[in-house]
Amino acid sequence: MSNLDDGNVNDAALLSVISSLIELRLPKVEITEKNETKVNKMEKEKILNLQKIPISTTFGEFNGILLIDPTLKETELGR
């Protein structure tokens, strides 16, 4: 049995990272007048405001025709 992904693992990995960043919650941090840092681990806040979300897509070219998300066999035929 072959251990081939038959698709693009990089696309899936990027989607996972972006999803994690969208859901990221960090402890609330306050800086006092005396420049002391107070971390409230019980209160979480969202600090990332993604304006745009990158999308990774794999394409294969076959005689000038683009094929989105080619399988391993299709990728091999396109070379």
Protein backbone atom coordinates (compact mmCIF):
# COMPACT_ATOMS: atom_id res chain seq x y z
CA MET A 1 0.00 0.00 0.00
CA SER A 2 1.32 3.40 -0.96
CA ASN A 3 1.51 6.35 1.45
CA LEU A 4 0.54 9.03 -1.06
CA ASP A 5 -1.76 11.92 -0.24
CA ASP A 6 -3.38 12.04 -3.71
CA GLY A 7 -3.89 15.76 -3.33
CA ASN A 8 -2.08 18.70 -1.83
CA VAL A 9 -1.07 18.49 1.81
CA ASN A 10 0.24 22.08 1.69
CA ASP A 11 -3.26 23.41 0.92
CA ALA A 12 -4.71 21.48 3.87
CA ALA A 13 -1.91 22.62 6.21
CA LEU A 14 -2.42 26.30 5.31
CA LEU A 15 -6.18 25.96 5.85
CA SER A 16 -5.48 24.50 9.29
CA VAL A 17 -3.13 27.35 10.24
CA ILE A 18 -5.58 30.04 9.06
CA SER A 19 -8.43 28.37 10.95
CA SER A 20 -6.31 28.33 14.11
CA LEU A 21 -5.45 32.03 13.75
CA ILE A 22 -9.10 32.95 13.27
CA GLU A 23 -10.04 31.13 16.49
CA LEU A 24 -7.02 32.32 18.50
CA ARG A 25 -7.82 33.67 21.98
CA LEU A 26 -5.06 35.01 24.22
CA PRO A 27 -5.16 36.12 27.86
CA LYS A 28 -6.09 39.75 28.44
CA VAL A 29 -3.03 41.91 29.18
CA GLU A 30 -3.09 45.33 30.81
CA ILE A 31 -0.24 47.75 31.44
CA THR A 32 -0.62 49.85 34.58
CA GLU A 33 0.42 53.46 35.08
CA LYS A 34 3.63 52.17 36.72
CA ASN A 35 4.44 50.19 33.54
CA GLU A 36 3.63 46.91 35.25
CA THR A 37 2.13 44.17 33.13
CA LYS A 38 -0.95 42.38 34.43
CA VAL A 39 -2.03 39.16 32.72
CA ASN A 40 -5.55 37.95 33.35
CA LYS A 41 -5.48 34.27 32.36
CA MET A 42 -9.18 33.87 33.12
CA GLU A 43 -10.29 36.49 30.60
CA LYS A 44 -9.52 35.74 26.96
CA GLU A 45 -9.69 38.21 24.12
CA LYS A 46 -9.40 37.99 20.38
CA ILE A 47 -6.43 40.05 19.23
CA LEU A 48 -6.14 39.18 15.54
CA ASN A 49 -8.42 40.92 13.11
CA LEU A 50 -7.69 39.32 9.77
CA GLN A 51 -8.70 41.71 7.00
CA LYS A 52 -8.18 39.09 4.29
CA ILE A 53 -7.78 35.34 4.41
CA PRO A 54 -5.18 33.74 2.13
CA ILE A 55 -6.31 30.74 0.12
CA SER A 56 -3.93 28.11 -1.23
CA THR A 57 -5.01 26.18 -4.29
CA THR A 58 -3.07 23.67 -6.35
CA PHE A 59 -3.38 23.73 -10.14
CA GLY A 60 -2.13 21.40 -12.82
CA GLU A 61 -1.65 22.35 -16.48
CA PHE A 62 -2.45 19.94 -19.28
CA ASN A 63 -1.82 21.26 -22.78
CA GLY A 64 -2.81 24.80 -21.77
CA ILE A 65 -5.83 23.70 -19.70
CA LEU A 66 -5.75 24.39 -15.95
CA LEU A 67 -7.10 21.73 -13.62
CA ILE A 68 -7.77 22.68 -10.01
CA ASP A 69 -6.64 20.30 -7.22
CA PRO A 70 -5.25 17.51 -9.41
CA THR A 71 -4.89 13.98 -8.06
CA LEU A 72 -1.47 12.31 -7.98
CA LYS A 73 -2.19 10.51 -11.27
CA GLU A 74 -3.30 13.76 -12.93
CA THR A 75 -0.17 15.53 -11.64
CA GLU A 76 2.04 12.78 -13.07
CA LEU A 77 0.28 12.98 -16.46
CA GLY A 78 0.75 16.76 -16.58
CA ARG A 79 4.52 16.62 -16.31
